């Protein structure tokens, strides 16, 4: 990436490595970072929870983060509900699902 590039992650947190990203941001290898997903750490109890960066990425001036909230938009939630209902109806009536995936 060019030094003027911005890294944007709206996919999965594990796709962006925390330490190299922090180094790239601190040393100016990239201009900035935005993410709607956040780093997860395994806890002793066996579950994962989103937490702030151990590298303090969330405190950098060239970073914008949210905690996995882009799907919280009212219109998107309504669309997700409509799709789920349509899939249940399709399944119950023997029709092809609206969002069926051919594996």
N, C-alpha and C. Protein backbone atom coordinates (compact mmCIF):
# COMPACT_ATOMS: atom_id res chain seq x y z
N UNK A 1 0.84 -1.18 0.00
CA UNK A 1 0.00 0.00 0.00
C UNK A 1 0.88 1.24 0.00
N UNK A 2 0.38 2.27 -0.63
CA UNK A 2 1.10 3.55 -0.65
C UNK A 2 0.94 4.25 0.71
N UNK A 3 1.87 5.13 1.06
CA UNK A 3 1.75 5.86 2.32
C UNK A 3 0.48 6.72 2.41
N UNK A 4 -0.13 7.03 1.29
CA UNK A 4 -1.36 7.83 1.29
C UNK A 4 -2.62 6.96 1.39
N UNK A 5 -2.44 5.65 1.52
CA UNK A 5 -3.57 4.71 1.54
C UNK A 5 -4.24 4.65 2.91
N UNK A 6 -5.52 4.32 2.86
CA UNK A 6 -6.30 4.04 4.07
C UNK A 6 -6.72 2.58 4.04
N UNK A 7 -6.54 1.89 5.13
CA UNK A 7 -6.98 0.51 5.25
C UNK A 7 -8.35 0.54 5.92
N UNK A 8 -9.35 -0.05 5.25
CA UNK A 8 -10.71 -0.07 5.77
C UNK A 8 -11.14 -1.52 5.89
N UNK A 9 -11.53 -1.93 7.09
CA UNK A 9 -11.97 -3.30 7.33
C UNK A 9 -13.40 -3.31 7.83
N UNK A 10 -14.30 -3.82 7.00
CA UNK A 10 -15.69 -4.02 7.41
C UNK A 10 -16.05 -5.50 7.27
N UNK A 11 -15.03 -6.34 7.30
CA UNK A 11 -15.22 -7.77 7.10
C UNK A 11 -15.10 -8.51 8.43
N UNK A 12 -13.98 -9.12 8.69
CA UNK A 12 -13.75 -9.86 9.92
C UNK A 12 -12.49 -9.32 10.58
N UNK A 13 -12.51 -9.29 11.90
CA UNK A 13 -11.39 -8.68 12.64
C UNK A 13 -10.07 -9.40 12.39
N UNK A 14 -10.09 -10.71 12.28
CA UNK A 14 -8.84 -11.46 12.16
C UNK A 14 -8.13 -11.26 10.81
N UNK A 15 -8.77 -10.59 9.86
CA UNK A 15 -8.13 -10.35 8.57
C UNK A 15 -7.06 -9.26 8.64
N UNK A 16 -7.12 -8.44 9.67
CA UNK A 16 -6.12 -7.39 9.86
C UNK A 16 -5.33 -7.71 11.12
N UNK A 17 -4.02 -7.84 10.98
CA UNK A 17 -3.19 -8.17 12.12
C UNK A 17 -2.90 -6.91 12.93
N UNK A 18 -3.05 -7.02 14.22
CA UNK A 18 -2.98 -5.86 15.10
C UNK A 18 -1.58 -5.23 15.19
N UNK A 19 -0.56 -6.00 15.48
CA UNK A 19 0.78 -5.43 15.67
C UNK A 19 1.34 -4.79 14.39
N UNK A 20 1.29 -5.49 13.24
CA UNK A 20 1.78 -4.84 12.02
C UNK A 20 0.98 -3.59 11.65
N UNK A 21 -0.32 -3.61 11.91
CA UNK A 21 -1.15 -2.43 11.61
C UNK A 21 -0.75 -1.26 12.48
N UNK A 22 -0.53 -1.52 13.75
CA UNK A 22 -0.11 -0.46 14.66
C UNK A 22 1.22 0.14 14.23
N UNK A 23 2.14 -0.72 13.84
CA UNK A 23 3.46 -0.24 13.39
C UNK A 23 3.31 0.61 12.12
N UNK A 24 2.50 0.13 11.17
CA UNK A 24 2.30 0.86 9.92
C UNK A 24 1.69 2.23 10.18
N UNK A 25 0.76 2.30 11.11
CA UNK A 25 0.11 3.57 11.43
C UNK A 25 1.07 4.51 12.16
N UNK A 26 1.80 4.00 13.12
CA UNK A 26 2.75 4.83 13.88
C UNK A 26 3.87 5.37 13.01
N UNK A 27 4.36 4.53 12.09
CA UNK A 27 5.51 4.91 11.28
C UNK A 27 5.13 5.54 9.95
N UNK A 28 3.83 5.74 9.72
CA UNK A 28 3.38 6.42 8.52
C UNK A 28 3.44 5.61 7.24
N UNK A 29 3.46 4.28 7.36
CA UNK A 29 3.45 3.44 6.16
C UNK A 29 2.12 3.55 5.44
N UNK A 30 1.06 3.82 6.20
CA UNK A 30 -0.27 4.09 5.63
C UNK A 30 -0.83 5.34 6.31
N UNK A 31 -1.74 6.00 5.62
CA UNK A 31 -2.31 7.26 6.12
C UNK A 31 -3.26 7.04 7.29
N UNK A 32 -4.08 5.99 7.21
CA UNK A 32 -5.05 5.79 8.28
C UNK A 32 -5.72 4.44 8.20
N UNK A 33 -6.58 4.21 9.18
CA UNK A 33 -7.26 2.93 9.33
C UNK A 33 -8.67 3.18 9.83
N UNK A 34 -9.63 2.48 9.24
CA UNK A 34 -11.02 2.52 9.71
C UNK A 34 -11.52 1.10 9.80
N UNK A 35 -12.26 0.81 10.85
CA UNK A 35 -12.74 -0.55 11.04
C UNK A 35 -14.07 -0.56 11.77
N UNK A 36 -14.97 -1.41 11.29
CA UNK A 36 -16.24 -1.63 11.98
C UNK A 36 -16.21 -2.94 12.75
N UNK A 37 -15.12 -3.65 12.66
CA UNK A 37 -14.95 -4.86 13.44
C UNK A 37 -13.71 -4.66 14.29
N UNK A 38 -13.62 -5.37 15.37
CA UNK A 38 -12.52 -5.07 16.27
C UNK A 38 -11.83 -6.33 16.71
N UNK A 39 -10.70 -6.19 17.32
CA UNK A 39 -9.88 -7.31 17.73
C UNK A 39 -10.58 -8.12 18.81
N UNK A 40 -10.38 -9.43 18.77
CA UNK A 40 -10.95 -10.33 19.77
C UNK A 40 -9.82 -11.09 20.45
N UNK A 41 -9.97 -11.32 21.72
CA UNK A 41 -9.00 -12.10 22.45
C UNK A 41 -9.72 -13.23 23.17
N UNK A 42 -9.09 -14.38 23.21
CA UNK A 42 -9.66 -15.52 23.91
C UNK A 42 -9.50 -15.28 25.41
N UNK A 43 -10.57 -15.51 26.13
CA UNK A 43 -10.53 -15.38 27.58
C UNK A 43 -10.41 -16.76 28.20
N UNK A 44 -9.99 -16.81 29.43
CA UNK A 44 -9.79 -18.09 30.12
C UNK A 44 -11.07 -18.91 30.18
N UNK A 45 -12.23 -18.28 30.10
CA UNK A 45 -13.49 -19.00 30.20
C UNK A 45 -13.91 -19.62 28.87
N UNK A 46 -13.12 -19.41 27.80
CA UNK A 46 -13.41 -20.06 26.53
C UNK A 46 -14.27 -19.26 25.58
N UNK A 47 -14.52 -18.00 25.83
CA UNK A 47 -15.32 -17.18 24.91
C UNK A 47 -14.50 -16.01 24.42
N UNK A 48 -14.95 -15.42 23.35
CA UNK A 48 -14.27 -14.28 22.76
C UNK A 48 -15.12 -13.03 22.97
N UNK A 49 -14.48 -11.92 23.13
CA UNK A 49 -15.21 -10.66 23.25
C UNK A 49 -14.41 -9.59 22.54
N UNK A 50 -15.09 -8.67 21.84
CA UNK A 50 -14.36 -7.57 21.23
C UNK A 50 -13.80 -6.66 22.31
N UNK A 51 -12.56 -6.30 22.15
CA UNK A 51 -11.89 -5.43 23.12
C UNK A 51 -11.10 -4.37 22.37
N UNK A 52 -10.69 -3.36 23.08
CA UNK A 52 -9.86 -2.33 22.48
C UNK A 52 -8.47 -2.89 22.21
N UNK A 53 -7.77 -2.25 21.32
CA UNK A 53 -6.47 -2.73 20.87
C UNK A 53 -5.42 -2.72 21.98
N UNK A 54 -4.69 -3.81 22.07
CA UNK A 54 -3.55 -3.86 23.00
C UNK A 54 -2.44 -2.92 22.55
N UNK A 55 -2.46 -2.60 21.26
CA UNK A 55 -1.45 -1.70 20.68
C UNK A 55 -1.90 -0.24 20.71
N UNK A 56 -3.06 0.02 21.29
CA UNK A 56 -3.62 1.38 21.41
C UNK A 56 -3.99 2.00 20.06
N UNK A 57 -4.32 1.15 19.09
CA UNK A 57 -4.72 1.64 17.77
C UNK A 57 -5.93 2.55 17.90
N UNK A 58 -6.84 2.20 18.77
CA UNK A 58 -8.09 2.97 18.94
C UNK A 58 -7.84 4.39 19.44
N UNK A 59 -6.65 4.69 19.94
CA UNK A 59 -6.34 6.02 20.45
C UNK A 59 -5.58 6.88 19.44
N UNK A 60 -5.26 6.33 18.28
CA UNK A 60 -4.50 7.07 17.28
C UNK A 60 -5.39 8.07 16.55
N UNK A 61 -4.81 9.21 16.21
CA UNK A 61 -5.56 10.27 15.53
C UNK A 61 -5.97 9.89 14.10
N UNK A 62 -5.26 8.98 13.48
CA UNK A 62 -5.55 8.60 12.10
C UNK A 62 -6.38 7.32 12.01
N UNK A 63 -7.17 7.04 13.05
CA UNK A 63 -7.97 5.82 13.13
C UNK A 63 -9.41 6.16 13.49
N UNK A 64 -10.34 5.49 12.80
CA UNK A 64 -11.77 5.59 13.12
C UNK A 64 -12.25 4.16 13.34
N UNK A 65 -12.86 3.91 14.49
CA UNK A 65 -13.33 2.56 14.79
C UNK A 65 -14.75 2.58 15.37
N UNK A 66 -15.44 1.49 15.14
CA UNK A 66 -16.70 1.24 15.81
C UNK A 66 -16.72 -0.23 16.16
N UNK A 67 -17.57 -0.61 17.05
CA UNK A 67 -17.58 -2.00 17.50
C UNK A 67 -18.66 -2.80 16.79
N UNK A 68 -18.43 -3.10 15.52
CA UNK A 68 -19.30 -3.98 14.75
C UNK A 68 -20.74 -3.49 14.74
N UNK A 69 -20.92 -2.21 14.38
CA UNK A 69 -22.25 -1.62 14.43
C UNK A 69 -22.80 -1.16 13.09
N UNK A 70 -22.11 -1.42 12.00
CA UNK A 70 -22.62 -0.97 10.71
C UNK A 70 -23.92 -1.67 10.34
N UNK A 71 -24.16 -2.84 10.90
CA UNK A 71 -25.41 -3.55 10.61
C UNK A 71 -26.55 -3.06 11.50
N UNK A 72 -26.31 -2.09 12.34
CA UNK A 72 -27.34 -1.62 13.27
C UNK A 72 -28.25 -0.55 12.65
N UNK A 73 -28.10 -0.29 11.36
CA UNK A 73 -28.94 0.70 10.69
C UNK A 73 -30.36 0.15 10.56
N UNK A 74 -31.35 0.95 10.90
CA UNK A 74 -32.75 0.50 10.92
C UNK A 74 -33.17 -0.13 9.60
N UNK A 75 -32.83 0.50 8.48
CA UNK A 75 -33.23 -0.01 7.18
C UNK A 75 -32.63 -1.40 6.92
N UNK A 76 -31.38 -1.58 7.31
CA UNK A 76 -30.73 -2.87 7.11
C UNK A 76 -31.34 -3.94 8.00
N UNK A 77 -31.63 -3.59 9.24
CA UNK A 77 -32.28 -4.55 10.12
C UNK A 77 -33.63 -4.98 9.56
N UNK A 78 -34.40 -4.03 9.06
CA UNK A 78 -35.70 -4.36 8.46
C UNK A 78 -35.53 -5.28 7.25
N UNK A 79 -34.52 -5.00 6.43
CA UNK A 79 -34.26 -5.83 5.26
C UNK A 79 -33.86 -7.25 5.70
N UNK A 80 -33.07 -7.36 6.74
CA UNK A 80 -32.65 -8.67 7.23
C UNK A 80 -33.86 -9.46 7.75
N UNK A 81 -34.75 -8.79 8.45
CA UNK A 81 -35.97 -9.44 8.95
C UNK A 81 -36.84 -9.90 7.79
N UNK A 82 -37.04 -9.02 6.80
CA UNK A 82 -37.84 -9.37 5.62
C UNK A 82 -37.26 -10.58 4.90
N UNK A 83 -35.94 -10.63 4.75
CA UNK A 83 -35.29 -11.75 4.08
C UNK A 83 -35.45 -13.03 4.88
N UNK A 84 -35.30 -12.94 6.20
CA UNK A 84 -35.46 -14.12 7.05
C UNK A 84 -36.88 -14.67 6.95
N UNK A 85 -37.86 -13.79 7.00
CA UNK A 85 -39.26 -14.22 6.90
C UNK A 85 -39.52 -14.86 5.54
N UNK A 86 -39.02 -14.23 4.48
CA UNK A 86 -39.20 -14.77 3.13
C UNK A 86 -38.56 -16.15 3.00
N UNK A 87 -37.41 -16.35 3.63
CA UNK A 87 -36.75 -17.65 3.59
C UNK A 87 -37.55 -18.72 4.33
N UNK A 88 -38.11 -18.36 5.48
CA UNK A 88 -38.93 -19.31 6.24
C UNK A 88 -40.17 -19.70 5.43
N UNK A 89 -40.83 -18.72 4.82
CA UNK A 89 -42.01 -19.00 4.00
C UNK A 89 -41.63 -19.89 2.81
N UNK A 90 -40.53 -19.56 2.15
CA UNK A 90 -40.08 -20.36 1.01
C UNK A 90 -39.78 -21.79 1.43
N UNK A 91 -39.10 -21.95 2.55
CA UNK A 91 -38.78 -23.29 3.05
C UNK A 91 -40.07 -24.06 3.36
N UNK A 92 -41.00 -23.40 4.03
CA UNK A 92 -42.25 -24.06 4.43
C UNK A 92 -43.11 -24.45 3.23
N UNK A 93 -42.97 -23.73 2.12
CA UNK A 93 -43.79 -24.02 0.94
C UNK A 93 -43.02 -24.76 -0.15
N UNK A 94 -41.79 -25.17 0.16
CA UNK A 94 -41.01 -25.96 -0.79
C UNK A 94 -40.42 -25.16 -1.94
N UNK A 95 -40.31 -23.85 -1.79
CA UNK A 95 -39.74 -23.00 -2.84
C UNK A 95 -38.27 -22.69 -2.55
N UNK A 96 -37.61 -22.14 -3.55
CA UNK A 96 -36.20 -21.75 -3.39
C UNK A 96 -36.10 -20.57 -2.43
N UNK A 97 -35.14 -20.64 -1.54
CA UNK A 97 -34.94 -19.56 -0.58
C UNK A 97 -34.49 -18.30 -1.29
N UNK A 98 -34.78 -17.17 -0.69
CA UNK A 98 -34.38 -15.87 -1.24
C UNK A 98 -32.86 -15.74 -1.24
N UNK A 99 -32.21 -16.20 -0.17
CA UNK A 99 -30.76 -16.05 -0.06
C UNK A 99 -30.07 -17.40 0.03
N UNK A 100 -30.55 -18.38 -0.70
CA UNK A 100 -29.97 -19.72 -0.68
C UNK A 100 -28.60 -19.72 -1.33
N UNK A 101 -27.69 -20.44 -0.71
CA UNK A 101 -26.32 -20.56 -1.22
C UNK A 101 -26.11 -21.98 -1.71
N UNK A 102 -25.59 -22.13 -2.91
CA UNK A 102 -25.32 -23.44 -3.47
C UNK A 102 -23.89 -23.83 -3.10
N UNK A 103 -23.77 -24.66 -2.08
CA UNK A 103 -22.43 -25.09 -1.65
C UNK A 103 -21.88 -26.17 -2.55
